[in-house]
Amino acid sequence: MLADRGFSLIEVLVALTVLSIAGVAFIRVAQSHIDRLDRLEVRVLADIVAQNTLVELRLAPSRIRSAPERVEMAGREWRVSVESRASSDPDLADLNISVSEADAKRPATTLHAFVDTAGPS
């Protein structure tokens, strides 16, 4: 009768194994979520840097060739690359503004826009 009054060692070990597998799975899901949030934060900040660069270039189109290559924002350093191409309209510059973190190999975002280079009419 005393043998029926509790858990055996094997039952406890099986329960601990199941709980540890569930714990590892939960930790992996949480880490994946944190990584996604970090990538989203980088993307949003890079979008803001690209839009700020576009506004600066629209205000002073003569600076298209000398656009800043490094920008500091939100406590991070960003690398900004501006590619300018001629468009079918000679008064418009076709721009691609790529922004990445200073140490990243790929851009976090790329903004495609047009800038009026003729000035006010």
Protein backbone atom coordinates (compact mmCIF):
# COMPACT_ATOMS: atom_id res chain seq x y z
CA MET A 1 0.00 0.00 0.00
CA LEU A 2 2.86 2.42 0.59
CA ALA A 3 4.06 1.96 -2.99
CA ASP A 4 0.90 3.62 -4.36
CA ARG A 5 1.26 6.85 -2.33
CA GLY A 6 3.41 9.14 -4.53
CA PHE A 7 5.39 9.51 -7.70
CA SER A 8 8.10 7.16 -8.71
CA LEU A 9 11.52 8.48 -9.62
CA ILE A 10 10.87 7.69 -13.29
CA GLU A 11 7.63 9.70 -13.30
CA VAL A 12 9.41 12.70 -11.78
CA LEU A 13 12.22 12.46 -14.34
CA VAL A 14 9.73 12.27 -17.23
CA ALA A 15 7.86 15.32 -15.89
CA LEU A 16 11.11 17.28 -15.52
CA THR A 17 12.15 16.32 -19.07
CA VAL A 18 8.83 17.51 -20.50
CA LEU A 19 9.05 20.78 -18.55
CA SER A 20 12.64 21.40 -19.65
CA ILE A 21 11.75 20.83 -23.33
CA ALA A 22 8.83 23.25 -23.00
CA GLY A 23 11.11 25.79 -21.26
CA VAL A 24 13.72 25.61 -24.04
CA ALA A 25 11.00 26.05 -26.67
CA PHE A 26 9.63 29.08 -24.82
CA ILE A 27 13.09 30.66 -24.56
CA ARG A 28 13.66 30.19 -28.31
CA VAL A 29 10.32 31.79 -29.16
CA ALA A 30 11.01 34.72 -26.83
CA GLN A 31 14.49 35.25 -28.33
CA SER A 32 13.08 35.14 -31.85
CA HIS A 33 10.50 37.76 -30.88
CA ILE A 34 13.19 40.01 -29.36
CA ASP A 35 15.32 39.67 -32.53
CA ARG A 36 12.34 40.64 -34.69
CA LEU A 37 11.63 43.68 -32.54
CA ASP A 38 15.27 44.76 -32.81
CA ARG A 39 15.18 44.44 -36.62
CA LEU A 40 11.93 46.43 -36.71
CA GLU A 41 13.46 49.19 -34.59
CA VAL A 42 16.47 49.40 -36.92
CA ARG A 43 14.19 49.53 -39.97
CA VAL A 44 11.99 52.29 -38.53
CA LEU A 45 14.98 54.41 -37.49
CA ALA A 46 16.64 53.87 -40.88
CA ASP A 47 13.41 54.99 -42.60
CA ILE A 48 13.42 58.18 -40.52
CA VAL A 49 17.08 58.86 -41.40
CA ALA A 50 16.31 58.33 -45.11
CA GLN A 51 13.29 60.65 -44.98
CA ASN A 52 15.28 63.32 -43.13
CA THR A 53 18.02 63.08 -45.76
CA LEU A 54 15.41 63.45 -48.52
CA VAL A 55 13.96 66.56 -46.87
CA GLU A 56 17.44 68.08 -46.57
CA LEU A 57 18.12 67.37 -50.25
CA ARG A 58 14.78 68.82 -51.33
CA LEU A 59 15.56 72.00 -49.37
CA ALA A 60 19.06 72.26 -50.87
CA PRO A 61 19.24 70.26 -54.12
CA SER A 62 22.78 71.49 -54.75
CA ARG A 63 23.90 69.19 -51.90
CA ILE A 64 22.86 66.00 -53.72
CA ARG A 65 26.46 65.22 -54.64
CA SER A 66 27.72 66.04 -51.15
CA ALA A 67 25.02 64.35 -49.09
CA PRO A 68 26.18 63.24 -45.65
CA GLU A 69 27.70 59.77 -45.52
CA ARG A 70 27.46 59.39 -41.74
CA VAL A 71 24.51 60.50 -39.62
CA GLU A 72 23.98 60.17 -35.88
CA MET A 73 20.43 59.55 -34.69
CA ALA A 74 18.89 57.85 -31.65
CA GLY A 75 22.30 57.16 -30.19
CA ARG A 76 23.37 55.19 -33.27
CA GLU A 77 25.57 55.96 -36.23
CA TRP A 78 24.06 55.42 -39.68
CA ARG A 79 25.73 55.16 -43.07
CA VAL A 80 23.82 57.05 -45.78
CA SER A 81 24.39 56.47 -49.48
CA VAL A 82 22.74 58.68 -52.10
CA GLU A 83 22.73 57.57 -55.74
CA SER A 84 21.56 60.17 -58.22
CA ARG A 85 20.52 59.43 -61.80
CA ALA A 86 19.20 61.67 -64.49
CA SER A 87 15.52 61.31 -65.21
CA SER A 88 13.54 62.03 -68.36
CA ASP A 89 12.90 65.52 -66.98
CA PRO A 90 16.19 67.48 -66.78
CA ASP A 91 14.89 69.37 -63.73
CA LEU A 92 14.35 66.19 -61.69
CA ALA A 93 17.00 64.05 -60.05
CA ASP A 94 16.11 60.39 -59.55
CA LEU A 95 17.48 59.43 -56.12
CA ASN A 96 18.01 56.20 -54.23
CA ILE A 97 18.83 56.84 -50.58
CA SER A 98 20.16 53.75 -48.79
CA VAL A 99 20.61 53.73 -45.03
CA SER A 100 22.32 51.10 -42.92
CA GLU A 101 23.82 50.88 -39.48
CA ALA A 102 27.47 51.89 -39.49
CA ASP A 103 28.71 48.31 -39.11
CA ALA A 104 26.08 46.54 -41.25
CA LYS A 105 26.83 45.10 -44.67
CA ARG A 106 23.32 45.47 -46.14
CA PRO A 107 21.08 48.54 -46.10
CA ALA A 108 18.26 48.52 -43.57
CA THR A 109 16.13 50.55 -45.97
CA THR A 110 16.24 52.16 -49.40
CA LEU A 111 14.12 55.18 -50.32
CA HIS A 112 13.43 55.99 -53.97
CA ALA A 113 12.41 59.59 -54.67
CA PHE A 114 12.64 62.50 -57.08
CA VAL A 115 14.05 65.92 -56.25
CA ASP A 116 13.42 69.12 -58.18
CA THR A 117 16.85 70.50 -59.01
CA ALA A 118 15.62 73.55 -60.93
CA GLY A 119 14.67 75.50 -57.84
CA PRO A 120 11.57 77.63 -57.39
CA SER A 121 9.84 78.64 -60.58
